[in-house]
PDB file of N, CA and C in Angstrom:
ATOM      1  N   MET A   1     -28.738 -10.142   2.780  1.00  0.00           N
ATOM      2  CA  MET A   1     -27.530 -10.643   2.154  1.00  0.00           C
ATOM      3  C   MET A   1     -26.314 -10.065   2.879  1.00  0.00           C
ATOM      4  N   LYS A   2     -25.370 -10.932   3.198  1.00  0.00           N
ATOM      5  CA  LYS A   2     -24.138 -10.488   3.840  1.00  0.00           C
ATOM      6  C   LYS A   2     -23.244  -9.807   2.815  1.00  0.00           C
ATOM      7  N   LYS A   3     -22.550  -8.765   3.273  1.00  0.00           N
ATOM      8  CA  LYS A   3     -21.646  -8.014   2.405  1.00  0.00           C
ATOM      9  C   LYS A   3     -20.210  -8.346   2.767  1.00  0.00           C
ATOM     10  N   ILE A   4     -19.349  -8.260   1.758  1.00  0.00           N
ATOM     11  CA  ILE A   4     -17.929  -8.525   1.985  1.00  0.00           C
ATOM     12  C   ILE A   4     -17.098  -7.573   1.122  1.00  0.00           C
ATOM     13  N   VAL A   5     -16.002  -7.082   1.700  1.00  0.00           N
ATOM     14  CA  VAL A   5     -15.037  -6.276   0.949  1.00  0.00           C
ATOM     15  C   VAL A   5     -13.915  -7.217   0.533  1.00  0.00           C
ATOM     16  N   LEU A   6     -13.659  -7.271  -0.766  1.00  0.00           N
ATOM     17  CA  LEU A   6     -12.637  -8.150  -1.324  1.00  0.00           C
ATOM     18  C   LEU A   6     -11.480  -7.321  -1.860  1.00  0.00           C
ATOM     19  N   ALA A   7     -10.280  -7.574  -1.358  1.00  0.00           N
ATOM     20  CA  ALA A   7      -9.077  -6.966  -1.927  1.00  0.00           C
ATOM     21  C   ALA A   7      -8.919  -7.561  -3.319  1.00  0.00           C
ATOM     22  N   TYR A   8      -9.070  -6.733  -4.337  1.00  0.00           N
ATOM     23  CA  TYR A   8      -9.172  -7.215  -5.711  1.00  0.00           C
ATOM     24  C   TYR A   8      -8.057  -6.632  -6.566  1.00  0.00           C
ATOM     25  N   SER A   9      -7.265  -7.528  -7.190  1.00  0.00           N
ATOM     26  CA  SER A   9      -6.176  -7.075  -8.061  1.00  0.00           C
ATOM     27  C   SER A   9      -6.494  -7.298  -9.533  1.00  0.00           C
ATOM     28  N   GLY A  10      -7.513  -8.088  -9.807  1.00  0.00           N
ATOM     29  CA  GLY A  10      -7.857  -8.401 -11.184  1.00  0.00           C
ATOM     30  C   GLY A  10      -7.186  -9.652 -11.700  1.00  0.00           C
ATOM     31  N   GLY A  11      -6.364 -10.277 -10.876  1.00  0.00           N
ATOM     32  CA  GLY A  11      -5.681 -11.500 -11.276  1.00  0.00           C
ATOM     33  C   GLY A  11      -6.579 -12.726 -11.121  1.00  0.00           C
ATOM     34  N   LEU A  12      -6.002 -13.865 -11.404  1.00  0.00           N
ATOM     35  CA  LEU A  12      -6.743 -15.124 -11.366  1.00  0.00           C
ATOM     36  C   LEU A  12      -7.331 -15.410  -9.985  1.00  0.00           C
ATOM     37  N   ASP A  13      -6.525 -15.253  -8.945  1.00  0.00           N
ATOM     38  CA  ASP A  13      -6.990 -15.575  -7.594  1.00  0.00           C
ATOM     39  C   ASP A  13      -8.166 -14.705  -7.159  1.00  0.00           C
ATOM     40  N   THR A  14      -8.033 -13.393  -7.345  1.00  0.00           N
ATOM     41  CA  THR A  14      -9.112 -12.521  -6.870  1.00  0.00           C
ATOM     42  C   THR A  14     -10.339 -12.595  -7.771  1.00  0.00           C
ATOM     43  N   THR A  15     -10.146 -12.923  -9.033  1.00  0.00           N
ATOM     44  CA  THR A  15     -11.289 -13.136  -9.928  1.00  0.00           C
ATOM     45  C   THR A  15     -12.067 -14.364  -9.462  1.00  0.00           C
ATOM     46  N   PHE A  16     -11.356 -15.444  -9.152  1.00  0.00           N
ATOM     47  CA  PHE A  16     -12.002 -16.635  -8.627  1.00  0.00           C
ATOM     48  C   PHE A  16     -12.742 -16.311  -7.332  1.00  0.00           C
ATOM     49  N   CYS A  17     -12.085 -15.583  -6.434  1.00  0.00           N
ATOM     50  CA  CYS A  17     -12.704 -15.242  -5.150  1.00  0.00           C
ATOM     51  C   CYS A  17     -13.992 -14.447  -5.340  1.00  0.00           C
ATOM     52  N   ALA A  18     -13.973 -13.474  -6.247  1.00  0.00           N
ATOM     53  CA  ALA A  18     -15.169 -12.665  -6.496  1.00  0.00           C
ATOM     54  C   ALA A  18     -16.326 -13.545  -6.952  1.00  0.00           C
ATOM     55  N   LEU A  19     -16.051 -14.449  -7.873  1.00  0.00           N
ATOM     56  CA  LEU A  19     -17.100 -15.345  -8.367  1.00  0.00           C
ATOM     57  C   LEU A  19     -17.559 -16.322  -7.293  1.00  0.00           C
ATOM     58  N   HIS A  20     -16.626 -16.918  -6.595  1.00  0.00           N
ATOM     59  CA  HIS A  20     -16.970 -17.902  -5.559  1.00  0.00           C
ATOM     60  C   HIS A  20     -17.789 -17.267  -4.439  1.00  0.00           C
ATOM     61  N   LEU A  21     -17.339 -16.108  -3.976  1.00  0.00           N
ATOM     62  CA  LEU A  21     -18.038 -15.441  -2.879  1.00  0.00           C
ATOM     63  C   LEU A  21     -19.445 -14.998  -3.269  1.00  0.00           C
ATOM     64  N   SER A  22     -19.603 -14.512  -4.501  1.00  0.00           N
ATOM     65  CA  SER A  22     -20.916 -14.014  -4.914  1.00  0.00           C
ATOM     66  C   SER A  22     -21.827 -15.128  -5.414  1.00  0.00           C
ATOM     67  N   LYS A  23     -21.351 -15.924  -6.332  1.00  0.00           N
ATOM     68  CA  LYS A  23     -22.203 -16.926  -6.989  1.00  0.00           C
ATOM     69  C   LYS A  23     -22.446 -18.161  -6.120  1.00  0.00           C
ATOM     70  N   GLU A  24     -21.408 -18.618  -5.427  1.00  0.00           N
ATOM     71  CA  GLU A  24     -21.546 -19.861  -4.671  1.00  0.00           C
ATOM     72  C   GLU A  24     -21.906 -19.653  -3.204  1.00  0.00           C
ATOM     73  N   LEU A  25     -21.394 -18.569  -2.602  1.00  0.00           N
ATOM     74  CA  LEU A  25     -21.659 -18.340  -1.185  1.00  0.00           C
ATOM     75  C   LEU A  25     -22.711 -17.269  -0.929  1.00  0.00           C
ATOM     76  N   GLY A  26     -23.107 -16.558  -1.968  1.00  0.00           N
ATOM     77  CA  GLY A  26     -24.193 -15.591  -1.849  1.00  0.00           C
ATOM     78  C   GLY A  26     -23.866 -14.261  -1.198  1.00  0.00           C
ATOM     79  N   TYR A  27     -22.603 -13.879  -1.153  1.00  0.00           N
ATOM     80  CA  TYR A  27     -22.222 -12.587  -0.589  1.00  0.00           C
ATOM     81  C   TYR A  27     -22.425 -11.462  -1.601  1.00  0.00           C
ATOM     82  N   GLU A  28     -22.698 -10.282  -1.088  1.00  0.00           N
ATOM     83  CA  GLU A  28     -22.660  -9.070  -1.910  1.00  0.00           C
ATOM     84  C   GLU A  28     -21.201  -8.606  -1.874  1.00  0.00           C
ATOM     85  N   VAL A  29     -20.504  -8.738  -2.992  1.00  0.00           N
ATOM     86  CA  VAL A  29     -19.062  -8.484  -3.043  1.00  0.00           C
ATOM     87  C   VAL A  29     -18.783  -7.052  -3.471  1.00  0.00           C
ATOM     88  N   HIS A  30     -17.967  -6.378  -2.664  1.00  0.00           N
ATOM     89  CA  HIS A  30     -17.506  -5.021  -2.971  1.00  0.00           C
ATOM     90  C   HIS A  30     -16.000  -5.117  -3.195  1.00  0.00           C
ATOM     91  N   ALA A  31     -15.589  -5.045  -4.454  1.00  0.00           N
ATOM     92  CA  ALA A  31     -14.188  -5.213  -4.831  1.00  0.00           C
ATOM     93  C   ALA A  31     -13.436  -3.894  -4.675  1.00  0.00           C
ATOM     94  N   VAL A  32     -12.269  -3.972  -4.045  1.00  0.00           N
ATOM     95  CA  VAL A  32     -11.454  -2.779  -3.795  1.00  0.00           C
ATOM     96  C   VAL A  32     -10.017  -3.064  -4.199  1.00  0.00           C
ATOM     97  N   LEU A  33      -9.482  -2.205  -5.057  1.00  0.00           N
ATOM     98  CA  LEU A  33      -8.086  -2.288  -5.456  1.00  0.00           C
ATOM     99  C   LEU A  33      -7.321  -1.176  -4.739  1.00  0.00           C
ATOM    100  N   VAL A  34      -6.254  -1.538  -4.053  1.00  0.00           N
ATOM    101  CA  VAL A  34      -5.411  -0.551  -3.373  1.00  0.00           C
ATOM    102  C   VAL A  34      -4.232  -0.273  -4.288  1.00  0.00           C
ATOM    103  N   ASN A  35      -4.213   0.908  -4.883  1.00  0.00           N
ATOM    104  CA  ASN A  35      -3.191   1.280  -5.851  1.00  0.00           C
ATOM    105  C   ASN A  35      -2.029   1.977  -5.156  1.00  0.00           C
ATOM    106  N   THR A  36      -0.910   1.251  -5.049  1.00  0.00           N
ATOM    107  CA  THR A  36       0.301   1.832  -4.469  1.00  0.00           C
ATOM    108  C   THR A  36       1.223   2.390  -5.544  1.00  0.00           C
ATOM    109  N   GLY A  37       0.751   2.367  -6.783  1.00  0.00           N
ATOM    110  CA  GLY A  37       1.507   2.972  -7.869  1.00  0.00           C
ATOM    111  C   GLY A  37       1.979   2.005  -8.931  1.00  0.00           C
ATOM    112  N   GLY A  38       1.601   0.771  -8.858  1.00  0.00           N
ATOM    113  CA  GLY A  38       2.100  -0.214  -9.803  1.00  0.00           C
ATOM    114  C   GLY A  38       1.243  -0.436 -11.033  1.00  0.00           C
ATOM    115  N   PHE A  39       0.198   0.383 -11.230  1.00  0.00           N
ATOM    116  CA  PHE A  39      -0.719   0.190 -12.348  1.00  0.00           C
ATOM    117  C   PHE A  39      -0.753   1.423 -13.249  1.00  0.00           C
ATOM    118  N   SER A  40      -0.895   1.196 -14.552  1.00  0.00           N
ATOM    119  CA  SER A  40      -1.135   2.307 -15.470  1.00  0.00           C
ATOM    120  C   SER A  40      -2.632   2.604 -15.460  1.00  0.00           C
ATOM    121  N   GLU A  41      -3.021   3.741 -15.997  1.00  0.00           N
ATOM    122  CA  GLU A  41      -4.441   4.091 -16.075  1.00  0.00           C
ATOM    123  C   GLU A  41      -5.203   3.068 -16.917  1.00  0.00           C
ATOM    124  N   GLU A  42      -4.571   2.594 -17.979  1.00  0.00           N
ATOM    125  CA  GLU A  42      -5.207   1.595 -18.841  1.00  0.00           C
ATOM    126  C   GLU A  42      -5.446   0.291 -18.078  1.00  0.00           C
ATOM    127  N   GLU A  43      -4.451  -0.118 -17.295  1.00  0.00           N
ATOM    128  CA  GLU A  43      -4.607  -1.339 -16.492  1.00  0.00           C
ATOM    129  C   GLU A  43      -5.728  -1.180 -15.468  1.00  0.00           C
ATOM    130  N   LEU A  44      -5.796  -0.033 -14.830  1.00  0.00           N
ATOM    131  CA  LEU A  44      -6.854   0.206 -13.845  1.00  0.00           C
ATOM    132  C   LEU A  44      -8.232   0.142 -14.494  1.00  0.00           C
ATOM    133  N   THR A  45      -8.347   0.711 -15.684  1.00  0.00           N
ATOM    134  CA  THR A  45      -9.622   0.666 -16.415  1.00  0.00           C
ATOM    135  C   THR A  45      -9.988  -0.774 -16.757  1.00  0.00           C
ATOM    136  N   ASP A  46      -9.016  -1.547 -17.242  1.00  0.00           N
ATOM    137  CA  ASP A  46      -9.254  -2.951 -17.586  1.00  0.00           C
ATOM    138  C   ASP A  46      -9.677  -3.757 -16.361  1.00  0.00           C
ATOM    139  N   ILE A  47      -9.014  -3.532 -15.238  1.00  0.00           N
ATOM    140  CA  ILE A  47      -9.337  -4.261 -14.012  1.00  0.00           C
ATOM    141  C   ILE A  47     -10.740  -3.908 -13.538  1.00  0.00           C
ATOM    142  N   GLU A  48     -11.096  -2.635 -13.601  1.00  0.00           N
ATOM    143  CA  GLU A  48     -12.443  -2.219 -13.201  1.00  0.00           C
ATOM    144  C   GLU A  48     -13.501  -2.875 -14.092  1.00  0.00           C
ATOM    145  N   GLU A  49     -13.273  -2.877 -15.397  1.00  0.00           N
ATOM    146  CA  GLU A  49     -14.219  -3.495 -16.328  1.00  0.00           C
ATOM    147  C   GLU A  49     -14.355  -4.993 -16.052  1.00  0.00           C
ATOM    148  N   ARG A  50     -13.241  -5.659 -15.759  1.00  0.00           N
ATOM    149  CA  ARG A  50     -13.269  -7.086 -15.454  1.00  0.00           C
ATOM    150  C   ARG A  50     -14.086  -7.341 -14.186  1.00  0.00           C
ATOM    151  N   ALA A  51     -13.851  -6.534 -13.169  1.00  0.00           N
ATOM    152  CA  ALA A  51     -14.585  -6.702 -11.905  1.00  0.00           C
ATOM    153  C   ALA A  51     -16.079  -6.525 -12.127  1.00  0.00           C
ATOM    154  N   LYS A  52     -16.448  -5.497 -12.848  1.00  0.00           N
ATOM    155  CA  LYS A  52     -17.867  -5.237 -13.097  1.00  0.00           C
ATOM    156  C   LYS A  52     -18.495  -6.346 -13.937  1.00  0.00           C
ATOM    157  N   SER A  53     -17.728  -6.934 -14.849  1.00  0.00           N
ATOM    158  CA  SER A  53     -18.266  -8.027 -15.669  1.00  0.00           C
ATOM    159  C   SER A  53     -18.536  -9.276 -14.836  1.00  0.00           C
ATOM    160  N   LEU A  54     -17.892  -9.370 -13.677  1.00  0.00           N
ATOM    161  CA  LEU A  54     -18.106 -10.507 -12.779  1.00  0.00           C
ATOM    162  C   LEU A  54     -19.375 -10.346 -11.953  1.00  0.00           C
ATOM    163  N   GLY A  55     -19.930  -9.131 -11.963  1.00  0.00           N
ATOM    164  CA  GLY A  55     -21.155  -8.891 -11.219  1.00  0.00           C
ATOM    165  C   GLY A  55     -20.951  -8.423  -9.787  1.00  0.00           C
ATOM    166  N   VAL A  56     -19.779  -7.850  -9.489  1.00  0.00           N
ATOM    167  CA  VAL A  56     -19.584  -7.330  -8.134  1.00  0.00           C
ATOM    168  C   VAL A  56     -20.546  -6.175  -7.889  1.00  0.00           C
ATOM    169  N   ALA A  57     -20.919  -5.991  -6.627  1.00  0.00           N
ATOM    170  CA  ALA A  57     -21.866  -4.931  -6.279  1.00  0.00           C
ATOM    171  C   ALA A  57     -21.254  -3.549  -6.479  1.00  0.00           C
ATOM    172  N   SER A  58     -19.946  -3.431  -6.228  1.00  0.00           N
ATOM    173  CA  SER A  58     -19.260  -2.155  -6.443  1.00  0.00           C
ATOM    174  C   SER A  58     -17.772  -2.418  -6.645  1.00  0.00           C
ATOM    175  N   PHE A  59     -17.110  -1.433  -7.244  1.00  0.00           N
ATOM    176  CA  PHE A  59     -15.668  -1.489  -7.447  1.00  0.00           C
ATOM    177  C   PHE A  59     -15.097  -0.131  -7.092  1.00  0.00           C
ATOM    178  N   LYS A  60     -14.034  -0.134  -6.303  1.00  0.00           N
ATOM    179  CA  LYS A  60     -13.420   1.115  -5.849  1.00  0.00           C
ATOM    180  C   LYS A  60     -11.909   0.984  -5.943  1.00  0.00           C
ATOM    181  N   ILE A  61     -11.265   2.063  -6.370  1.00  0.00           N
ATOM    182  CA  ILE A  61      -9.807   2.127  -6.366  1.00  0.00           C
ATOM    183  C   ILE A  61      -9.390   3.107  -5.275  1.00  0.00           C
ATOM    184  N   LEU A  62      -8.562   2.636  -4.355  1.00  0.00           N
ATOM    185  CA  LEU A  62      -8.005   3.508  -3.326  1.00  0.00           C
ATOM    186  C   LEU A  62      -6.598   3.887  -3.767  1.00  0.00           C
ATOM    187  N   HIS A  63      -6.403   5.154  -4.082  1.00  0.00           N
ATOM    188  CA  HIS A  63      -5.094   5.640  -4.533  1.00  0.00           C
ATOM    189  C   HIS A  63      -4.280   6.042  -3.301  1.00  0.00           C
ATOM    190  N   VAL A  64      -3.255   5.263  -2.995  1.00  0.00           N
ATOM    191  CA  VAL A  64      -2.459   5.499  -1.791  1.00  0.00           C
ATOM    192  C   VAL A  64      -0.969   5.677  -2.101  1.00  0.00           C
ATOM    193  N   MET A  65      -0.676   6.132  -3.305  1.00  0.00           N
ATOM    194  CA  MET A  65       0.725   6.272  -3.704  1.00  0.00           C
ATOM    195  C   MET A  65       1.498   7.211  -2.775  1.00  0.00           C
ATOM    196  N   ASP A  66       0.929   8.374  -2.473  1.00  0.00           N
ATOM    197  CA  ASP A  66       1.635   9.324  -1.609  1.00  0.00           C
ATOM    198  C   ASP A  66       1.832   8.744  -0.210  1.00  0.00           C
ATOM    199  N   THR A  67       0.793   8.130   0.320  1.00  0.00           N
ATOM    200  CA  THR A  67       0.901   7.515   1.641  1.00  0.00           C
ATOM    201  C   THR A  67       1.946   6.408   1.633  1.00  0.00           C
ATOM    202  N   TYR A  68       1.956   5.612   0.579  1.00  0.00           N
ATOM    203  CA  TYR A  68       2.929   4.519   0.466  1.00  0.00           C
ATOM    204  C   TYR A  68       4.354   5.064   0.492  1.00  0.00           C
ATOM    205  N   TYR A  69       4.589   6.136  -0.240  1.00  0.00           N
ATOM    206  CA  TYR A  69       5.924   6.728  -0.229  1.00  0.00           C
ATOM    207  C   TYR A  69       6.251   7.298   1.152  1.00  0.00           C
ATOM    208  N   ASN A  70       5.336   8.142   1.671  1.00  0.00           N
ATOM    209  CA  ASN A  70       5.608   8.868   2.909  1.00  0.00           C
ATOM    210  C   ASN A  70       5.694   7.985   4.153  1.00  0.00           C
ATOM    211  N   GLU A  71       4.940   6.881   4.175  1.00  0.00           N
ATOM    212  CA  GLU A  71       4.910   6.045   5.373  1.00  0.00           C
ATOM    213  C   GLU A  71       5.747   4.769   5.257  1.00  0.00           C
ATOM    214  N   VAL A  72       6.148   4.401   4.040  1.00  0.00           N
ATOM    215  CA  VAL A  72       6.840   3.121   3.881  1.00  0.00           C
ATOM    216  C   VAL A  72       8.137   3.267   3.082  1.00  0.00           C
ATOM    217  N   ILE A  73       7.998   3.597   1.802  1.00  0.00           N
ATOM    218  CA  ILE A  73       9.144   3.554   0.889  1.00  0.00           C
ATOM    219  C   ILE A  73      10.301   4.438   1.329  1.00  0.00           C
ATOM    220  N   LYS A  74      10.027   5.669   1.720  1.00  0.00           N
ATOM    221  CA  LYS A  74      11.152   6.553   2.042  1.00  0.00           C
ATOM    222  C   LYS A  74      11.975   6.018   3.212  1.00  0.00           C
ATOM    223  N   TYR A  75      11.326   5.335   4.166  1.00  0.00           N
ATOM    224  CA  TYR A  75      12.081   4.773   5.290  1.00  0.00           C
ATOM    225  C   TYR A  75      12.894   3.554   4.871  1.00  0.00           C
ATOM    226  N   LEU A  76      12.370   2.793   3.934  1.00  0.00           N
ATOM    227  CA  LEU A  76      13.142   1.653   3.415  1.00  0.00           C
ATOM    228  C   LEU A  76      14.372   2.135   2.649  1.00  0.00           C
ATOM    229  N   VAL A  77      14.206   3.227   1.909  1.00  0.00           N
ATOM    230  CA  VAL A  77      15.330   3.795   1.160  1.00  0.00           C
ATOM    231  C   VAL A  77      16.347   4.409   2.126  1.00  0.00           C
ATOM    232  N   PHE A  78      15.853   5.233   3.066  1.00  0.00           N
ATOM    233  CA  PHE A  78      16.765   5.861   4.026  1.00  0.00           C
ATOM    234  C   PHE A  78      17.556   4.819   4.817  1.00  0.00           C
ATOM    235  N   GLY A  79      16.889   3.742   5.172  1.00  0.00           N
ATOM    236  CA  GLY A  79      17.532   2.706   5.974  1.00  0.00           C
ATOM    237  C   GLY A  79      18.265   1.659   5.165  1.00  0.00           C
ATOM    238  N   ASN A  80      18.206   1.778   3.838  1.00  0.00           N
ATOM    239  CA  ASN A  80      18.825   0.798   2.948  1.00  0.00           C
ATOM    240  C   ASN A  80      18.396  -0.623   3.340  1.00  0.00           C
ATOM    241  N   VAL A  81      17.079  -0.776   3.559  1.00  0.00           N
ATOM    242  CA  VAL A  81      16.532  -2.058   3.979  1.00  0.00           C
ATOM    243  C   VAL A  81      16.456  -2.986   2.769  1.00  0.00           C
ATOM    244  N   LEU A  82      17.148  -4.111   2.860  1.00  0.00           N
ATOM    245  CA  LEU A  82      17.217  -5.066   1.757  1.00  0.00           C
ATOM    246  C   LEU A  82      16.737  -6.444   2.206  1.00  0.00           C
ATOM    247  N   LYS A  83      16.062  -7.127   1.305  1.00  0.00           N
ATOM    248  CA  LYS A  83      15.667  -8.515   1.562  1.00  0.00           C
ATOM    249  C   LYS A  83      16.842  -9.399   1.155  1.00  0.00           C
ATOM    250  N   ASN A  84      17.255 -10.265   2.076  1.00  0.00           N
ATOM    251  CA  ASN A  84      18.400 -11.149   1.838  1.00  0.00           C
ATOM    252  C   ASN A  84      19.653 -10.368   1.433  1.00  0.00           C
ATOM    253  N   GLN A  85      19.762  -9.152   1.932  1.00  0.00           N
ATOM    254  CA  GLN A  85      20.912  -8.288   1.625  1.00  0.00           C
ATOM    255  C   GLN A  85      21.101  -8.084   0.127  1.00  0.00           C
ATOM    256  N   THR A  86      19.979  -8.179  -0.646  1.00  0.00           N
ATOM    257  CA  THR A  86      20.097  -8.153  -2.099  1.00  0.00           C
ATOM    258  C   THR A  86      19.265  -7.077  -2.771  1.00  0.00           C
ATOM    259  N   TYR A  87      17.962  -7.046  -2.498  1.00  0.00           N
ATOM    260  CA  TYR A  87      17.102  -6.106  -3.219  1.00  0.00           C
ATOM    261  C   TYR A  87      16.162  -5.395  -2.252  1.00  0.00           C
ATOM    262  N   PRO A  88      15.686  -4.221  -2.641  1.00  0.00           N
ATOM    263  CA  PRO A  88      14.844  -3.417  -1.741  1.00  0.00           C
ATOM    264  C   PRO A  88      13.584  -4.166  -1.302  1.00  0.00           C
ATOM    265  N   LEU A  89      13.265  -4.043  -0.056  1.00  0.00           N
ATOM    266  CA  LEU A  89      12.086  -4.680   0.527  1.00  0.00           C
ATOM    267  C   LEU A  89      10.902  -3.740   0.318  1.00  0.00           C
ATOM    268  N   SER A  90      10.279  -3.811  -0.855  1.00  0.00           N
ATOM    269  CA  SER A  90       9.178  -2.895  -1.136  1.00  0.00           C
ATOM    270  C   SER A  90       7.851  -3.608  -1.343  1.00  0.00           C
ATOM    271  N   VAL A  91       7.850  -4.736  -2.028  1.00  0.00           N
ATOM    272  CA  VAL A  91       6.586  -5.406  -2.349  1.00  0.00           C
ATOM    273  C   VAL A  91       5.904  -5.922  -1.094  1.00  0.00           C
ATOM    274  N   SER A  92       6.622  -6.664  -0.264  1.00  0.00           N
ATOM    275  CA  SER A  92       5.983  -7.188   0.935  1.00  0.00           C
ATOM    276  C   SER A  92       5.626  -6.063   1.897  1.00  0.00           C
ATOM    277  N   ALA A  93       6.375  -4.973   1.864  1.00  0.00           N
ATOM    278  CA  ALA A  93       6.087  -3.845   2.748  1.00  0.00           C
ATOM    279  C   ALA A  93       4.769  -3.168   2.389  1.00  0.00           C
ATOM    280  N   GLU A  94       4.357  -3.264   1.133  1.00  0.00           N
ATOM    281  CA  GLU A  94       3.105  -2.615   0.750  1.00  0.00           C
ATOM    282  C   GLU A  94       1.890  -3.362   1.277  1.00  0.00           C
ATOM    283  N   ARG A  95       2.043  -4.622   1.651  1.00  0.00           N
ATOM    284  CA  ARG A  95       0.907  -5.411   2.136  1.00  0.00           C
ATOM    285  C   ARG A  95       0.283  -4.805   3.393  1.00  0.00           C
ATOM    286  N   ILE A  96       1.110  -4.256   4.251  1.00  0.00           N
ATOM    287  CA  ILE A  96       0.591  -3.637   5.478  1.00  0.00           C
ATOM    288  C   ILE A  96      -0.285  -2.443   5.139  1.00  0.00           C
ATOM    289  N   LEU A  97       0.171  -1.600   4.221  1.00  0.00           N
ATOM    290  CA  LEU A  97      -0.621  -0.441   3.819  1.00  0.00           C
ATOM    291  C   LEU A  97      -1.899  -0.876   3.112  1.00  0.00           C
ATOM    292  N   GLN A  98      -1.815  -1.928   2.300  1.00  0.00           N
ATOM    293  CA  GLN A  98      -3.014  -2.431   1.632  1.00  0.00           C
ATOM    294  C   GLN A  98      -4.032  -2.908   2.662  1.00  0.00           C
ATOM    295  N   ALA A  99      -3.588  -3.683   3.633  1.00  0.00           N
ATOM    296  CA  ALA A  99      -4.496  -4.188   4.670  1.00  0.00           C
ATOM    297  C   ALA A  99      -5.108  -3.044   5.471  1.00  0.00           C
ATOM    298  N   LYS A 100      -4.285  -2.081   5.848  1.00  0.00           N
ATOM    299  CA  LYS A 100      -4.762  -0.918   6.611  1.00  0.00           C
ATOM    300  C   LYS A 100      -5.786  -0.125   5.792  1.00  0.00           C
ATOM    301  N   SER A 101      -5.501   0.111   4.541  1.00  0.00           N
ATOM    302  CA  SER A 101      -6.406   0.875   3.681  1.00  0.00           C
ATOM    303  C   SER A 101      -7.746   0.150   3.500  1.00  0.00           C
ATOM    304  N   LEU A 102      -7.683  -1.158   3.320  1.00  0.00           N
ATOM    305  CA  LEU A 102      -8.918  -1.938   3.170  1.00  0.00           C
ATOM    306  C   LEU A 102      -9.741  -1.931   4.455  1.00  0.00           C
ATOM    307  N   ALA A 103      -9.086  -2.069   5.591  1.00  0.00           N
ATOM    308  CA  ALA A 103      -9.803  -2.049   6.874  1.00  0.00           C
ATOM    309  C   ALA A 103     -10.469  -0.700   7.098  1.00  0.00           C
ATOM    310  N   GLU A 104      -9.769   0.371   6.788  1.00  0.00           N
ATOM    311  CA  GLU A 104     -10.351   1.717   6.929  1.00  0.00           C
ATOM    312  C   GLU A 104     -11.527   1.893   5.965  1.00  0.00           C
ATOM    313  N   TYR A 105     -11.403   1.378   4.750  1.00  0.00           N
ATOM    314  CA  TYR A 105     -12.484   1.482   3.775  1.00  0.00           C
ATOM    315  C   TYR A 105     -13.719   0.707   4.240  1.00  0.00           C
ATOM    316  N   ALA A 106     -13.465  -0.506   4.727  1.00  0.00           N
ATOM    317  CA  ALA A 106     -14.584  -1.365   5.175  1.00  0.00           C
ATOM    318  C   ALA A 106     -15.307  -0.716   6.339  1.00  0.00           C
TER     319      ALA A 106
END
């Protein structure tokens, strides 16, 4: 059986992906949530329970809050980097760290 690491947030899209990849395509799905600090402990527990109820082979949370601050956020703040000259560019900036963390995990 082929294995796959799925970036899993617990939302509709990643829930569908977990089911589609495992049930329809036959992959052994390993769900990984990259926590940059936007989740409460209760939310993380709920997401883990949801993933396990889908039948994923494993579920892992990568806690990268310190790395996110030290490698991304502080430079955006120091540089006053704004999207459309309006609001801090933080959400899209976390995607790079999420991708890097998932690749290292895989």
